[in-house]
Amino acid sequence: MEGLNSQPANNRRMTKVFKALADGTRQEILQLLEEHSYAVGEIVAKFDLSQPTISRHLSVLKEADLVIDQRRGQNVIYRLNDSALAASMRQFFGRFRSCQEVLR
């Protein structure tokens, strides 16, 4: 088990991750980004939401380290941060005996 000093930071990170995952639109964005990277405008085109609303959702996902953005000229391209998503799930669910075997 990790040291007590690292626990508050880990809990804050997990809170950000689960806050990001708690919203259906953000879940859909993550599923979309699992296919491949998209520019913000391409993501907006797939939803019936405004660009500022999608940008706010992307900001929450980025704050939780679930997406990575990269500027390409005038566009910002987003992709799923697969390794961070997997690590977060292993870290959280690995705390529970009932999940440990499934995570192996």
PDB file of N, CA and C in Angstrom:
ATOM      1  N   MET A   1       0.844  -1.179   0.000  1.00  0.00           N
ATOM      2  CA  MET A   1       0.000   0.000   0.000  1.00  0.00           C
ATOM      3  C   MET A   1       0.893   1.246   0.000  1.00  0.00           C
ATOM      4  N   GLU A   2       0.428   2.292  -0.648  1.00  0.00           N
ATOM      5  CA  GLU A   2       1.238   3.498  -0.752  1.00  0.00           C
ATOM      6  C   GLU A   2       1.301   4.225   0.579  1.00  0.00           C
ATOM      7  N   GLY A   3       2.327   5.059   0.735  1.00  0.00           N
ATOM      8  CA  GLY A   3       2.505   5.804   1.974  1.00  0.00           C
ATOM      9  C   GLY A   3       1.376   6.778   2.214  1.00  0.00           C
ATOM     10  N   LEU A   4       1.169   7.100   3.478  1.00  0.00           N
ATOM     11  CA  LEU A   4       0.097   8.019   3.845  1.00  0.00           C
ATOM     12  C   LEU A   4       0.314   9.415   3.283  1.00  0.00           C
ATOM     13  N   ASN A   5       1.565   9.820   3.106  1.00  0.00           N
ATOM     14  CA  ASN A   5       1.836  11.156   2.579  1.00  0.00           C
ATOM     15  C   ASN A   5       1.341  11.328   1.152  1.00  0.00           C
ATOM     16  N   SER A   6       1.333  10.263   0.371  1.00  0.00           N
ATOM     17  CA  SER A   6       0.895  10.378  -1.019  1.00  0.00           C
ATOM     18  C   SER A   6      -0.618  10.216  -1.160  1.00  0.00           C
ATOM     19  N   GLN A   7      -1.288   9.736  -0.131  1.00  0.00           N
ATOM     20  CA  GLN A   7      -2.720   9.452  -0.216  1.00  0.00           C
ATOM     21  C   GLN A   7      -3.575  10.687  -0.525  1.00  0.00           C
ATOM     22  N   PRO A   8      -3.386  11.838   0.133  1.00  0.00           N
ATOM     23  CA  PRO A   8      -4.221  12.999  -0.208  1.00  0.00           C
ATOM     24  C   PRO A   8      -4.086  13.423  -1.671  1.00  0.00           C
ATOM     25  N   ALA A   9      -2.879  13.399  -2.209  1.00  0.00           N
ATOM     26  CA  ALA A   9      -2.684  13.761  -3.611  1.00  0.00           C
ATOM     27  C   ALA A   9      -3.365  12.746  -4.523  1.00  0.00           C
ATOM     28  N   ASN A  10      -3.243  11.464  -4.201  1.00  0.00           N
ATOM     29  CA  ASN A  10      -3.907  10.429  -4.992  1.00  0.00           C
ATOM     30  C   ASN A  10      -5.422  10.575  -4.931  1.00  0.00           C
ATOM     31  N   ASN A  11      -5.950  10.887  -3.758  1.00  0.00           N
ATOM     32  CA  ASN A  11      -7.390  11.075  -3.614  1.00  0.00           C
ATOM     33  C   ASN A  11      -7.879  12.260  -4.428  1.00  0.00           C
ATOM     34  N   ARG A  12      -7.118  13.346  -4.447  1.00  0.00           N
ATOM     35  CA  ARG A  12      -7.496  14.524  -5.240  1.00  0.00           C
ATOM     36  C   ARG A  12      -7.495  14.168  -6.726  1.00  0.00           C
ATOM     37  N   ARG A  13      -6.493  13.413  -7.158  1.00  0.00           N
ATOM     38  CA  ARG A  13      -6.425  13.011  -8.562  1.00  0.00           C
ATOM     39  C   ARG A  13      -7.611  12.118  -8.921  1.00  0.00           C
ATOM     40  N   MET A  14      -7.920  11.163  -8.054  1.00  0.00           N
ATOM     41  CA  MET A  14      -9.052  10.271  -8.305  1.00  0.00           C
ATOM     42  C   MET A  14     -10.362  11.050  -8.343  1.00  0.00           C
ATOM     43  N   THR A  15     -10.494  12.059  -7.488  1.00  0.00           N
ATOM     44  CA  THR A  15     -11.696  12.893  -7.493  1.00  0.00           C
ATOM     45  C   THR A  15     -11.851  13.589  -8.835  1.00  0.00           C
ATOM     46  N   LYS A  16     -10.755  14.118  -9.376  1.00  0.00           N
ATOM     47  CA  LYS A  16     -10.802  14.764 -10.694  1.00  0.00           C
ATOM     48  C   LYS A  16     -11.191  13.772 -11.780  1.00  0.00           C
ATOM     49  N   VAL A  17     -10.629  12.580 -11.730  1.00  0.00           N
ATOM     50  CA  VAL A  17     -10.925  11.558 -12.735  1.00  0.00           C
ATOM     51  C   VAL A  17     -12.405  11.187 -12.679  1.00  0.00           C
ATOM     52  N   PHE A  18     -12.914  10.902 -11.483  1.00  0.00           N
ATOM     53  CA  PHE A  18     -14.306  10.471 -11.387  1.00  0.00           C
ATOM     54  C   PHE A  18     -15.277  11.612 -11.652  1.00  0.00           C
ATOM     55  N   LYS A  19     -14.895  12.835 -11.335  1.00  0.00           N
ATOM     56  CA  LYS A  19     -15.728  13.983 -11.714  1.00  0.00           C
ATOM     57  C   LYS A  19     -15.820  14.058 -13.238  1.00  0.00           C
ATOM     58  N   ALA A  20     -14.700  13.868 -13.896  1.00  0.00           N
ATOM     59  CA  ALA A  20     -14.688  13.911 -15.366  1.00  0.00           C
ATOM     60  C   ALA A  20     -15.526  12.777 -15.944  1.00  0.00           C
ATOM     61  N   LEU A  21     -15.444  11.598 -15.360  1.00  0.00           N
ATOM     62  CA  LEU A  21     -16.163  10.437 -15.877  1.00  0.00           C
ATOM     63  C   LEU A  21     -17.648  10.444 -15.523  1.00  0.00           C
ATOM     64  N   ALA A  22     -18.056  11.295 -14.596  1.00  0.00           N
ATOM     65  CA  ALA A  22     -19.438  11.306 -14.121  1.00  0.00           C
ATOM     66  C   ALA A  22     -20.419  11.911 -15.125  1.00  0.00           C
ATOM     67  N   ASP A  23     -19.920  12.592 -16.135  1.00  0.00           N
ATOM     68  CA  ASP A  23     -20.785  13.271 -17.094  1.00  0.00           C
ATOM     69  C   ASP A  23     -20.905  12.445 -18.376  1.00  0.00           C
ATOM     70  N   GLY A  24     -22.130  12.244 -18.844  1.00  0.00           N
ATOM     71  CA  GLY A  24     -22.373  11.444 -20.033  1.00  0.00           C
ATOM     72  C   GLY A  24     -21.715  11.996 -21.285  1.00  0.00           C
ATOM     73  N   THR A  25     -21.731  13.308 -21.452  1.00  0.00           N
ATOM     74  CA  THR A  25     -21.091  13.905 -22.632  1.00  0.00           C
ATOM     75  C   THR A  25     -19.598  13.646 -22.614  1.00  0.00           C
ATOM     76  N   ARG A  26     -18.977  13.782 -21.451  1.00  0.00           N
ATOM     77  CA  ARG A  26     -17.543  13.527 -21.365  1.00  0.00           C
ATOM     78  C   ARG A  26     -17.233  12.054 -21.622  1.00  0.00           C
ATOM     79  N   GLN A  27     -18.101  11.165 -21.176  1.00  0.00           N
ATOM     80  CA  GLN A  27     -17.922   9.738 -21.475  1.00  0.00           C
ATOM     81  C   GLN A  27     -17.970   9.517 -22.988  1.00  0.00           C
ATOM     82  N   GLU A  28     -18.916  10.162 -23.658  1.00  0.00           N
ATOM     83  CA  GLU A  28     -19.034  10.027 -25.106  1.00  0.00           C
ATOM     84  C   GLU A  28     -17.805  10.596 -25.820  1.00  0.00           C
ATOM     85  N   ILE A  29     -17.294  11.711 -25.321  1.00  0.00           N
ATOM     86  CA  ILE A  29     -16.087  12.299 -25.912  1.00  0.00           C
ATOM     87  C   ILE A  29     -14.921  11.322 -25.789  1.00  0.00           C
ATOM     88  N   LEU A  30     -14.762  10.710 -24.616  1.00  0.00           N
ATOM     89  CA  LEU A  30     -13.675   9.738 -24.429  1.00  0.00           C
ATOM     90  C   LEU A  30     -13.825   8.555 -25.374  1.00  0.00           C
ATOM     91  N   GLN A  31     -15.047   8.069 -25.541  1.00  0.00           N
ATOM     92  CA  GLN A  31     -15.268   6.951 -26.457  1.00  0.00           C
ATOM     93  C   GLN A  31     -14.947   7.359 -27.887  1.00  0.00           C
ATOM     94  N   LEU A  32     -15.302   8.574 -28.257  1.00  0.00           N
ATOM     95  CA  LEU A  32     -14.985   9.088 -29.583  1.00  0.00           C
ATOM     96  C   LEU A  32     -13.471   9.151 -29.794  1.00  0.00           C
ATOM     97  N   LEU A  33     -12.761   9.658 -28.777  1.00  0.00           N
ATOM     98  CA  LEU A  33     -11.311   9.812 -28.886  1.00  0.00           C
ATOM     99  C   LEU A  33     -10.581   8.471 -28.834  1.00  0.00           C
ATOM    100  N   GLU A  34     -11.264   7.443 -28.415  1.00  0.00           N
ATOM    101  CA  GLU A  34     -10.638   6.122 -28.434  1.00  0.00           C
ATOM    102  C   GLU A  34     -10.427   5.657 -29.878  1.00  0.00           C
ATOM    103  N   GLU A  35     -11.288   6.122 -30.785  1.00  0.00           N
ATOM    104  CA  GLU A  35     -11.160   5.771 -32.202  1.00  0.00           C
ATOM    105  C   GLU A  35      -9.897   6.384 -32.799  1.00  0.00           C
ATOM    106  N   HIS A  36      -9.755   7.694 -32.660  1.00  0.00           N
ATOM    107  CA  HIS A  36      -8.558   8.416 -33.100  1.00  0.00           C
ATOM    108  C   HIS A  36      -8.643   9.855 -32.624  1.00  0.00           C
ATOM    109  N   SER A  37      -7.635  10.630 -32.925  1.00  0.00           N
ATOM    110  CA  SER A  37      -7.562  12.032 -32.503  1.00  0.00           C
ATOM    111  C   SER A  37      -8.513  12.879 -33.328  1.00  0.00           C
ATOM    112  N   TYR A  38      -9.016  13.932 -32.711  1.00  0.00           N
ATOM    113  CA  TYR A  38      -9.923  14.856 -33.390  1.00  0.00           C
ATOM    114  C   TYR A  38      -9.580  16.291 -33.018  1.00  0.00           C
ATOM    115  N   ALA A  39      -9.800  17.190 -33.959  1.00  0.00           N
ATOM    116  CA  ALA A  39      -9.733  18.626 -33.681  1.00  0.00           C
ATOM    117  C   ALA A  39     -11.010  19.013 -32.942  1.00  0.00           C
ATOM    118  N   VAL A  40     -10.961  20.109 -32.216  1.00  0.00           N
ATOM    119  CA  VAL A  40     -12.118  20.562 -31.443  1.00  0.00           C
ATOM    120  C   VAL A  40     -13.343  20.692 -32.344  1.00  0.00           C
ATOM    121  N   GLY A  41     -13.179  21.300 -33.499  1.00  0.00           N
ATOM    122  CA  GLY A  41     -14.303  21.483 -34.411  1.00  0.00           C
ATOM    123  C   GLY A  41     -14.929  20.175 -34.854  1.00  0.00           C
ATOM    124  N   GLU A  42     -14.102  19.157 -35.036  1.00  0.00           N
ATOM    125  CA  GLU A  42     -14.613  17.834 -35.410  1.00  0.00           C
ATOM    126  C   GLU A  42     -15.412  17.209 -34.272  1.00  0.00           C
ATOM    127  N   ILE A  43     -14.948  17.432 -33.046  1.00  0.00           N
ATOM    128  CA  ILE A  43     -15.682  16.924 -31.879  1.00  0.00           C
ATOM    129  C   ILE A  43     -17.014  17.644 -31.767  1.00  0.00           C
ATOM    130  N   VAL A  44     -16.999  18.964 -31.904  1.00  0.00           N
ATOM    131  CA  VAL A  44     -18.227  19.764 -31.822  1.00  0.00           C
ATOM    132  C   VAL A  44     -19.244  19.269 -32.847  1.00  0.00           C
ATOM    133  N   ALA A  45     -18.790  18.950 -34.054  1.00  0.00           N
ATOM    134  CA  ALA A  45     -19.693  18.516 -35.128  1.00  0.00           C
ATOM    135  C   ALA A  45     -20.419  17.214 -34.791  1.00  0.00           C
ATOM    136  N   LYS A  46     -19.896  16.436 -33.871  1.00  0.00           N
ATOM    137  CA  LYS A  46     -20.497  15.148 -33.517  1.00  0.00           C
ATOM    138  C   LYS A  46     -21.516  15.267 -32.389  1.00  0.00           C
ATOM    139  N   PHE A  47     -21.666  16.465 -31.836  1.00  0.00           N
ATOM    140  CA  PHE A  47     -22.576  16.686 -30.720  1.00  0.00           C
ATOM    141  C   PHE A  47     -23.536  17.833 -31.044  1.00  0.00           C
ATOM    142  N   ASP A  48     -24.646  17.850 -30.366  1.00  0.00           N
ATOM    143  CA  ASP A  48     -25.604  18.941 -30.510  1.00  0.00           C
ATOM    144  C   ASP A  48     -25.370  19.942 -29.374  1.00  0.00           C
ATOM    145  N   LEU A  49     -24.113  20.368 -29.255  1.00  0.00           N
ATOM    146  CA  LEU A  49     -23.710  21.303 -28.214  1.00  0.00           C
ATOM    147  C   LEU A  49     -22.833  22.376 -28.830  1.00  0.00           C
ATOM    148  N   SER A  50     -22.745  23.522 -28.164  1.00  0.00           N
ATOM    149  CA  SER A  50     -21.934  24.624 -28.682  1.00  0.00           C
ATOM    150  C   SER A  50     -20.442  24.340 -28.501  1.00  0.00           C
ATOM    151  N   GLN A  51     -19.643  25.063 -29.262  1.00  0.00           N
ATOM    152  CA  GLN A  51     -18.185  24.915 -29.147  1.00  0.00           C
ATOM    153  C   GLN A  51     -17.707  25.270 -27.736  1.00  0.00           C
ATOM    154  N   PRO A  52     -18.198  26.360 -27.117  1.00  0.00           N
ATOM    155  CA  PRO A  52     -17.745  26.642 -25.744  1.00  0.00           C
ATOM    156  C   PRO A  52     -18.098  25.527 -24.754  1.00  0.00           C
ATOM    157  N   THR A  53     -19.255  24.899 -24.926  1.00  0.00           N
ATOM    158  CA  THR A  53     -19.647  23.808 -24.029  1.00  0.00           C
ATOM    159  C   THR A  53     -18.721  22.610 -24.198  1.00  0.00           C
ATOM    160  N   ILE A  54     -18.437  22.245 -25.447  1.00  0.00           N
ATOM    161  CA  ILE A  54     -17.513  21.132 -25.703  1.00  0.00           C
ATOM    162  C   ILE A  54     -16.122  21.481 -25.166  1.00  0.00           C
ATOM    163  N   SER A  55     -15.693  22.721 -25.341  1.00  0.00           N
ATOM    164  CA  SER A  55     -14.381  23.144 -24.830  1.00  0.00           C
ATOM    165  C   SER A  55     -14.314  23.020 -23.317  1.00  0.00           C
ATOM    166  N   ARG A  56     -15.400  23.337 -22.622  1.00  0.00           N
ATOM    167  CA  ARG A  56     -15.424  23.182 -21.157  1.00  0.00           C
ATOM    168  C   ARG A  56     -15.308  21.701 -20.783  1.00  0.00           C
ATOM    169  N   HIS A  57     -16.027  20.849 -21.504  1.00  0.00           N
ATOM    170  CA  HIS A  57     -15.922  19.406 -21.240  1.00  0.00           C
ATOM    171  C   HIS A  57     -14.497  18.921 -21.473  1.00  0.00           C
ATOM    172  N   LEU A  58     -13.876  19.369 -22.552  1.00  0.00           N
ATOM    173  CA  LEU A  58     -12.497  18.972 -22.843  1.00  0.00           C
ATOM    174  C   LEU A  58     -11.544  19.480 -21.775  1.00  0.00           C
ATOM    175  N   SER A  59     -11.815  20.656 -21.250  1.00  0.00           N
ATOM    176  CA  SER A  59     -10.980  21.220 -20.183  1.00  0.00           C
ATOM    177  C   SER A  59     -11.035  20.350 -18.925  1.00  0.00           C
ATOM    178  N   VAL A  60     -12.224  19.878 -18.569  1.00  0.00           N
ATOM    179  CA  VAL A  60     -12.372  18.991 -17.404  1.00  0.00           C
ATOM    180  C   VAL A  60     -11.616  17.681 -17.643  1.00  0.00           C
ATOM    181  N   LEU A  61     -11.744  17.141 -18.851  1.00  0.00           N
ATOM    182  CA  LEU A  61     -11.034  15.897 -19.184  1.00  0.00           C
ATOM    183  C   LEU A  61      -9.518  16.098 -19.158  1.00  0.00           C
ATOM    184  N   LYS A  62      -9.074  17.247 -19.633  1.00  0.00           N
ATOM    185  CA  LYS A  62      -7.637  17.540 -19.627  1.00  0.00           C
ATOM    186  C   LYS A  62      -7.134  17.722 -18.190  1.00  0.00           C
ATOM    187  N   GLU A  63      -7.900  18.414 -17.367  1.00  0.00           N
ATOM    188  CA  GLU A  63      -7.525  18.617 -15.961  1.00  0.00           C
ATOM    189  C   GLU A  63      -7.382  17.273 -15.234  1.00  0.00           C
ATOM    190  N   ALA A  64      -8.183  16.292 -15.630  1.00  0.00           N
ATOM    191  CA  ALA A  64      -8.112  14.957 -15.040  1.00  0.00           C
ATOM    192  C   ALA A  64      -7.047  14.099 -15.723  1.00  0.00           C
ATOM    193  N   ASP A  65      -6.358  14.651 -16.709  1.00  0.00           N
ATOM    194  CA  ASP A  65      -5.292  13.958 -17.448  1.00  0.00           C
ATOM    195  C   ASP A  65      -5.825  12.797 -18.287  1.00  0.00           C
ATOM    196  N   LEU A  66      -7.102  12.869 -18.671  1.00  0.00           N
ATOM    197  CA  LEU A  66      -7.693  11.801 -19.464  1.00  0.00           C
ATOM    198  C   LEU A  66      -7.570  12.052 -20.961  1.00  0.00           C
ATOM    199  N   VAL A  67      -7.291  13.294 -21.333  1.00  0.00           N
ATOM    200  CA  VAL A  67      -7.026  13.622 -22.735  1.00  0.00           C
ATOM    201  C   VAL A  67      -5.757  14.451 -22.821  1.00  0.00           C
ATOM    202  N   ILE A  68      -5.152  14.403 -23.988  1.00  0.00           N
ATOM    203  CA  ILE A  68      -3.947  15.186 -24.272  1.00  0.00           C
ATOM    204  C   ILE A  68      -4.273  16.063 -25.467  1.00  0.00           C
ATOM    205  N   ASP A  69      -3.899  17.331 -25.382  1.00  0.00           N
ATOM    206  CA  ASP A  69      -4.126  18.225 -26.510  1.00  0.00           C
ATOM    207  C   ASP A  69      -2.801  18.630 -27.134  1.00  0.00           C
ATOM    208  N   GLN A  70      -2.872  18.917 -28.418  1.00  0.00           N
ATOM    209  CA  GLN A  70      -1.676  19.321 -29.158  1.00  0.00           C
ATOM    210  C   GLN A  70      -2.112  20.332 -30.207  1.00  0.00           C
ATOM    211  N   ARG A  71      -1.410  21.456 -30.241  1.00  0.00           N
ATOM    212  CA  ARG A  71      -1.729  22.484 -31.231  1.00  0.00           C
ATOM    213  C   ARG A  71      -1.058  22.141 -32.552  1.00  0.00           C
ATOM    214  N   ARG A  72      -1.863  22.180 -33.616  1.00  0.00           N
ATOM    215  CA  ARG A  72      -1.359  21.996 -34.982  1.00  0.00           C
ATOM    216  C   ARG A  72      -1.866  23.168 -35.806  1.00  0.00           C
ATOM    217  N   GLY A  73      -1.005  24.157 -35.953  1.00  0.00           N
ATOM    218  CA  GLY A  73      -1.419  25.370 -36.655  1.00  0.00           C
ATOM    219  C   GLY A  73      -2.532  26.049 -35.893  1.00  0.00           C
ATOM    220  N   GLN A  74      -3.661  26.248 -36.558  1.00  0.00           N
ATOM    221  CA  GLN A  74      -4.814  26.907 -35.927  1.00  0.00           C
ATOM    222  C   GLN A  74      -5.681  25.933 -35.127  1.00  0.00           C
ATOM    223  N   ASN A  75      -5.432  24.644 -35.267  1.00  0.00           N
ATOM    224  CA  ASN A  75      -6.273  23.632 -34.629  1.00  0.00           C
ATOM    225  C   ASN A  75      -5.646  23.092 -33.350  1.00  0.00           C
ATOM    226  N   VAL A  76      -6.521  22.705 -32.431  1.00  0.00           N
ATOM    227  CA  VAL A  76      -6.103  21.967 -31.245  1.00  0.00           C
ATOM    228  C   VAL A  76      -6.652  20.556 -31.414  1.00  0.00           C
ATOM    229  N   ILE A  77      -5.750  19.597 -31.392  1.00  0.00           N
ATOM    230  CA  ILE A  77      -6.109  18.194 -31.592  1.00  0.00           C
ATOM    231  C   ILE A  77      -6.116  17.507 -30.226  1.00  0.00           C
ATOM    232  N   TYR A  78      -7.167  16.738 -29.979  1.00  0.00           N
ATOM    233  CA  TYR A  78      -7.286  16.004 -28.723  1.00  0.00           C
ATOM    234  C   TYR A  78      -7.201  14.515 -28.994  1.00  0.00           C
ATOM    235  N   ARG A  79      -6.546  13.822 -28.053  1.00  0.00           N
ATOM    236  CA  ARG A  79      -6.505  12.361 -28.115  1.00  0.00           C
ATOM    237  C   ARG A  79      -6.667  11.814 -26.704  1.00  0.00           C
ATOM    238  N   LEU A  80      -7.144  10.589 -26.642  1.00  0.00           N
ATOM    239  CA  LEU A  80      -7.327   9.912 -25.366  1.00  0.00           C
ATOM    240  C   LEU A  80      -5.969   9.616 -24.750  1.00  0.00           C
ATOM    241  N   ASN A  81      -5.835   9.855 -23.469  1.00  0.00           N
ATOM    242  CA  ASN A  81      -4.620   9.498 -22.741  1.00  0.00           C
ATOM    243  C   ASN A  81      -4.840   8.095 -22.169  1.00  0.00           C
ATOM    244  N   ASP A  82      -4.673   7.093 -23.040  1.00  0.00           N
ATOM    245  CA  ASP A  82      -4.954   5.700 -22.681  1.00  0.00           C
ATOM    246  C   ASP A  82      -4.242   5.270 -21.402  1.00  0.00           C
ATOM    247  N   SER A  83      -2.974   5.588 -21.320  1.00  0.00           N
ATOM    248  CA  SER A  83      -2.194   5.106 -20.178  1.00  0.00           C
ATOM    249  C   SER A  83      -2.676   5.723 -18.869  1.00  0.00           C
ATOM    250  N   ALA A  84      -3.037   7.005 -18.872  1.00  0.00           N
ATOM    251  CA  ALA A  84      -3.524   7.649 -17.654  1.00  0.00           C
ATOM    252  C   ALA A  84      -4.894   7.099 -17.251  1.00  0.00           C
ATOM    253  N   LEU A  85      -5.747   6.850 -18.234  1.00  0.00           N
ATOM    254  CA  LEU A  85      -7.062   6.280 -17.934  1.00  0.00           C
ATOM    255  C   LEU A  85      -6.902   4.894 -17.312  1.00  0.00           C
ATOM    256  N   ALA A  86      -6.087   4.055 -17.932  1.00  0.00           N
ATOM    257  CA  ALA A  86      -5.867   2.706 -17.415  1.00  0.00           C
ATOM    258  C   ALA A  86      -5.228   2.733 -16.027  1.00  0.00           C
ATOM    259  N   ALA A  87      -4.236   3.605 -15.840  1.00  0.00           N
ATOM    260  CA  ALA A  87      -3.564   3.695 -14.533  1.00  0.00           C
ATOM    261  C   ALA A  87      -4.530   4.152 -13.447  1.00  0.00           C
ATOM    262  N   SER A  88      -5.388   5.099 -13.773  1.00  0.00           N
ATOM    263  CA  SER A  88      -6.369   5.589 -12.796  1.00  0.00           C
ATOM    264  C   SER A  88      -7.326   4.483 -12.380  1.00  0.00           C
ATOM    265  N   MET A  89      -7.783   3.722 -13.357  1.00  0.00           N
ATOM    266  CA  MET A  89      -8.721   2.642 -13.040  1.00  0.00           C
ATOM    267  C   MET A  89      -8.048   1.541 -12.226  1.00  0.00           C
ATOM    268  N   ARG A  90      -6.810   1.203 -12.605  1.00  0.00           N
ATOM    269  CA  ARG A  90      -6.076   0.180 -11.829  1.00  0.00           C
ATOM    270  C   ARG A  90      -5.841   0.671 -10.403  1.00  0.00           C
ATOM    271  N   GLN A  91      -5.452   1.945 -10.272  1.00  0.00           N
ATOM    272  CA  GLN A  91      -5.161   2.480  -8.942  1.00  0.00           C
ATOM    273  C   GLN A  91      -6.409   2.472  -8.069  1.00  0.00           C
ATOM    274  N   PHE A  92      -7.516   2.943  -8.609  1.00  0.00           N
ATOM    275  CA  PHE A  92      -8.726   3.011  -7.791  1.00  0.00           C
ATOM    276  C   PHE A  92      -9.291   1.623  -7.511  1.00  0.00           C
ATOM    277  N   PHE A  93      -9.566   0.864  -8.568  1.00  0.00           N
ATOM    278  CA  PHE A  93     -10.218  -0.425  -8.374  1.00  0.00           C
ATOM    279  C   PHE A  93      -9.287  -1.452  -7.751  1.00  0.00           C
ATOM    280  N   GLY A  94      -7.985  -1.246  -7.857  1.00  0.00           N
ATOM    281  CA  GLY A  94      -7.022  -2.132  -7.232  1.00  0.00           C
ATOM    282  C   GLY A  94      -7.064  -2.088  -5.713  1.00  0.00           C
ATOM    283  N   ARG A  95      -7.721  -1.081  -5.176  1.00  0.00           N
ATOM    284  CA  ARG A  95      -7.883  -0.978  -3.718  1.00  0.00           C
ATOM    285  C   ARG A  95      -8.852  -2.023  -3.174  1.00  0.00           C
ATOM    286  N   PHE A  96      -9.642  -2.607  -4.043  1.00  0.00           N
ATOM    287  CA  PHE A  96     -10.698  -3.504  -3.617  1.00  0.00           C
ATOM    288  C   PHE A  96     -10.337  -4.951  -3.975  1.00  0.00           C
ATOM    289  N   ARG A  97     -10.369  -5.798  -2.971  1.00  0.00           N
ATOM    290  CA  ARG A  97     -10.043  -7.219  -3.178  1.00  0.00           C
ATOM    291  C   ARG A  97     -10.888  -7.823  -4.289  1.00  0.00           C
ATOM    292  N   SER A  98     -12.154  -7.442  -4.344  1.00  0.00           N
ATOM    293  CA  SER A  98     -13.065  -8.040  -5.332  1.00  0.00           C
ATOM    294  C   SER A  98     -12.672  -7.701  -6.767  1.00  0.00           C
ATOM    295  N   CYS A  99     -11.868  -6.663  -6.949  1.00  0.00           N
ATOM    296  CA  CYS A  99     -11.442  -6.256  -8.302  1.00  0.00           C
ATOM    297  C   CYS A  99     -10.024  -6.668  -8.639  1.00  0.00           C
ATOM    298  N   GLN A 100      -9.241  -7.019  -7.651  1.00  0.00           N
ATOM    299  CA  GLN A 100      -7.813  -7.257  -7.876  1.00  0.00           C
ATOM    300  C   GLN A 100      -7.544  -8.377  -8.868  1.00  0.00           C
ATOM    301  N   GLU A 101      -8.301  -9.466  -8.798  1.00  0.00           N
ATOM    302  CA  GLU A 101      -8.059 -10.572  -9.721  1.00  0.00           C
ATOM    303  C   GLU A 101      -8.379 -10.161 -11.152  1.00  0.00           C
ATOM    304  N   VAL A 102      -9.423  -9.395 -11.339  1.00  0.00           N
ATOM    305  CA  VAL A 102      -9.815  -8.951 -12.682  1.00  0.00           C
ATOM    306  C   VAL A 102      -8.744  -8.046 -13.285  1.00  0.00           C
ATOM    307  N   LEU A 103      -8.052  -7.287 -12.455  1.00  0.00           N
ATOM    308  CA  LEU A 103      -7.048  -6.335 -12.925  1.00  0.00           C
ATOM    309  C   LEU A 103      -5.716  -6.976 -13.255  1.00  0.00           C
ATOM    310  N   ARG A 104      -5.514  -8.220 -12.922  1.00  0.00           N
ATOM    311  CA  ARG A 104      -4.230  -8.886 -13.191  1.00  0.00           C
ATOM    312  C   ARG A 104      -4.019  -9.130 -14.642  1.00  0.00           C
TER     313      ARG A 104
END
